[in-house]
Amino acid sequence: MTVPLIGVVADRKPASSGAWVDIPTDGLPHSYLAAIEQAGGAPLLFPSLDVHLDDPGRLLDRVDGLFLSGGRDIDPHLYGRDPHPANDDPLRIRDELEIALAQLARDRGMPIFGACRGMQLLNVAFGGTLEQHLGDRLD
């Protein structure tokens, strides 16, 4: 039996190791990748790059499912809102790539799973909005 490949878009954050200090790095917490492996899949990371926006179908052609991981806040401009001051700085390319992949995966009938930010991304990808800061609504 072939292990299904699960596509995951990497986030970009600075990392340090030895002489390399605050180098932009594309990656994810290992816990996401380990969970995919424990569930019987093999993760395949897609870097958040503009070149992938030209043809996101090329990425989906190589995988059997799509996993949308947690992470930073989604750019509120993508759902018609101005950013809340408490928001993380968005990585717009990641947002746009994941939205394109989610929409195409749905059109193809491909399995999609979203965790935390990934669930919010699915909501935005299919026309929803988000409450950016629950503390403004709740005690």
Protein backbone atom coordinates (compact mmCIF):
# COMPACT_ATOMS: atom_id res chain seq x y z
CA MET A 1 0.00 0.00 0.00
CA THR A 2 1.27 3.46 -0.89
CA VAL A 3 1.37 5.98 1.93
CA PRO A 4 -0.70 9.05 0.99
CA LEU A 5 1.25 12.27 0.50
CA ILE A 6 -0.24 15.19 2.42
CA GLY A 7 0.63 18.71 1.29
CA VAL A 8 1.36 21.31 3.97
CA VAL A 9 2.25 24.96 3.37
CA ALA A 10 5.22 26.11 5.46
CA ASP A 11 5.30 29.34 7.42
CA ARG A 12 8.22 31.77 7.28
CA LYS A 13 9.89 32.76 10.53
CA PRO A 14 13.39 33.76 11.58
CA ALA A 15 15.50 30.97 13.05
CA SER A 16 18.97 30.87 14.53
CA SER A 17 21.56 28.09 14.57
CA GLY A 18 25.25 28.62 15.26
CA ALA A 19 26.52 31.55 13.18
CA TRP A 20 23.17 31.90 11.43
CA VAL A 21 21.11 34.44 13.34
CA ASP A 22 17.50 35.33 12.49
CA ILE A 23 17.68 33.71 9.05
CA PRO A 24 14.25 33.55 7.31
CA THR A 25 13.25 29.88 7.40
CA ASP A 26 10.30 28.06 5.86
CA GLY A 27 9.03 25.36 8.17
CA LEU A 28 6.48 24.18 10.70
CA PRO A 29 6.49 22.76 14.21
CA HIS A 30 7.40 19.10 13.95
CA SER A 31 4.28 18.11 15.90
CA TYR A 32 2.14 18.75 12.78
CA LEU A 33 4.35 16.58 10.60
CA ALA A 34 4.53 13.83 13.22
CA ALA A 35 0.72 13.83 13.51
CA ILE A 36 0.37 13.36 9.75
CA GLU A 37 2.83 10.47 9.91
CA GLN A 38 1.05 8.90 12.91
CA ALA A 39 -2.21 9.09 10.96
CA GLY A 40 -0.62 7.07 8.14
CA GLY A 41 0.40 9.89 5.81
CA ALA A 42 3.67 11.35 4.57
CA PRO A 43 3.89 15.16 4.77
CA LEU A 44 5.23 17.15 1.84
CA LEU A 45 6.06 20.78 2.66
CA PHE A 46 5.32 23.55 0.20
CA PRO A 47 7.27 26.76 0.82
CA SER A 48 5.32 30.02 0.83
CA LEU A 49 6.60 31.37 -2.48
CA ASP A 50 5.05 33.58 -5.15
CA VAL A 51 6.02 31.09 -7.87
CA HIS A 52 3.48 28.60 -6.49
CA LEU A 53 0.60 31.07 -6.92
CA ASP A 54 1.03 30.89 -10.71
CA ASP A 55 -0.16 27.27 -10.77
CA PRO A 56 -1.18 25.84 -7.38
CA GLY A 57 -2.56 22.82 -9.22
CA ARG A 58 1.02 21.64 -9.80
CA LEU A 59 1.38 21.24 -6.05
CA LEU A 60 -1.92 19.43 -5.60
CA ASP A 61 -1.05 17.10 -8.51
CA ARG A 62 1.69 15.68 -6.28
CA VAL A 63 -0.35 14.99 -3.14
CA ASP A 64 -3.37 13.01 -2.02
CA GLY A 65 -4.64 15.48 0.59
CA LEU A 66 -4.11 18.95 2.03
CA PHE A 67 -3.42 19.87 5.65
CA LEU A 68 -3.77 23.52 6.71
CA SER A 69 -1.80 24.05 9.90
CA GLY A 70 -1.96 26.57 12.71
CA GLY A 71 0.15 29.68 12.88
CA ARG A 72 0.00 33.43 12.53
CA ASP A 73 -3.14 35.51 11.94
CA ILE A 74 -4.66 35.61 8.46
CA ASP A 75 -4.46 38.98 6.71
CA PRO A 76 -7.83 40.62 7.53
CA HIS A 77 -7.84 42.46 4.21
CA LEU A 78 -8.60 39.04 2.65
CA TYR A 79 -12.00 39.09 4.35
CA GLY A 80 -12.70 42.80 4.07
CA ARG A 81 -11.50 44.05 7.45
CA ASP A 82 -8.75 46.30 8.74
CA PRO A 83 -6.15 44.63 10.98
CA HIS A 84 -6.67 44.64 14.74
CA PRO A 85 -3.67 46.13 16.60
CA ALA A 86 -3.13 42.84 18.48
CA ASN A 87 -2.81 40.77 15.27
CA ASP A 88 0.37 39.04 14.17
CA ASP A 89 2.04 40.40 11.06
CA PRO A 90 0.51 38.39 8.22
CA LEU A 91 2.46 36.40 5.65
CA ARG A 92 0.21 37.32 2.74
CA ILE A 93 1.83 34.88 0.32
CA ARG A 94 1.05 31.98 2.68
CA ASP A 95 -2.54 33.17 3.06
CA GLU A 96 -3.04 33.49 -0.70
CA LEU A 97 -1.38 30.16 -1.45
CA GLU A 98 -3.41 28.27 1.15
CA ILE A 99 -6.65 29.88 -0.06
CA ALA A 100 -5.87 28.91 -3.66
CA LEU A 101 -4.94 25.37 -2.63
CA ALA A 102 -8.06 24.97 -0.46
CA GLN A 103 -10.38 26.14 -3.22
CA LEU A 104 -8.75 23.93 -5.82
CA ALA A 105 -8.63 20.92 -3.48
CA ARG A 106 -12.37 21.33 -2.82
CA ASP A 107 -13.06 21.55 -6.55
CA ARG A 108 -11.10 18.32 -7.03
CA GLY A 109 -12.84 16.53 -4.17
CA MET A 110 -9.49 16.17 -2.37
CA PRO A 111 -9.47 15.66 1.42
CA ILE A 112 -8.69 18.85 3.37
CA PHE A 113 -8.02 19.11 7.10
CA GLY A 114 -7.58 22.40 8.96
CA ALA A 115 -6.21 22.81 12.48
CA CYS A 116 -6.66 26.09 14.37
CA ARG A 117 -5.55 28.74 11.83
CA GLY A 118 -6.26 26.17 9.15
CA MET A 119 -9.95 26.05 10.10
CA GLN A 120 -10.06 29.85 10.01
CA LEU A 121 -8.36 29.80 6.61
CA LEU A 122 -11.02 27.43 5.25
CA ASN A 123 -13.68 29.81 6.49
CA VAL A 124 -12.05 32.77 4.73
CA ALA A 125 -11.32 30.75 1.57
CA PHE A 126 -15.01 30.04 1.15
CA GLY A 127 -16.33 33.54 1.84
CA GLY A 128 -16.46 33.78 5.63
CA THR A 129 -15.07 36.40 7.99
CA LEU A 130 -13.35 36.18 11.36
CA GLU A 131 -13.63 37.83 14.74
CA GLN A 132 -10.04 39.06 15.03
CA HIS A 133 -9.82 39.57 18.77
CA LEU A 134 -12.28 37.74 21.02
CA GLY A 135 -11.17 39.87 23.97
CA ASP A 136 -13.08 42.77 22.42
CA ARG A 137 -16.31 40.73 22.64
CA LEU A 138 -15.82 38.72 25.82
CA ASP A 139 -14.44 39.35 29.29
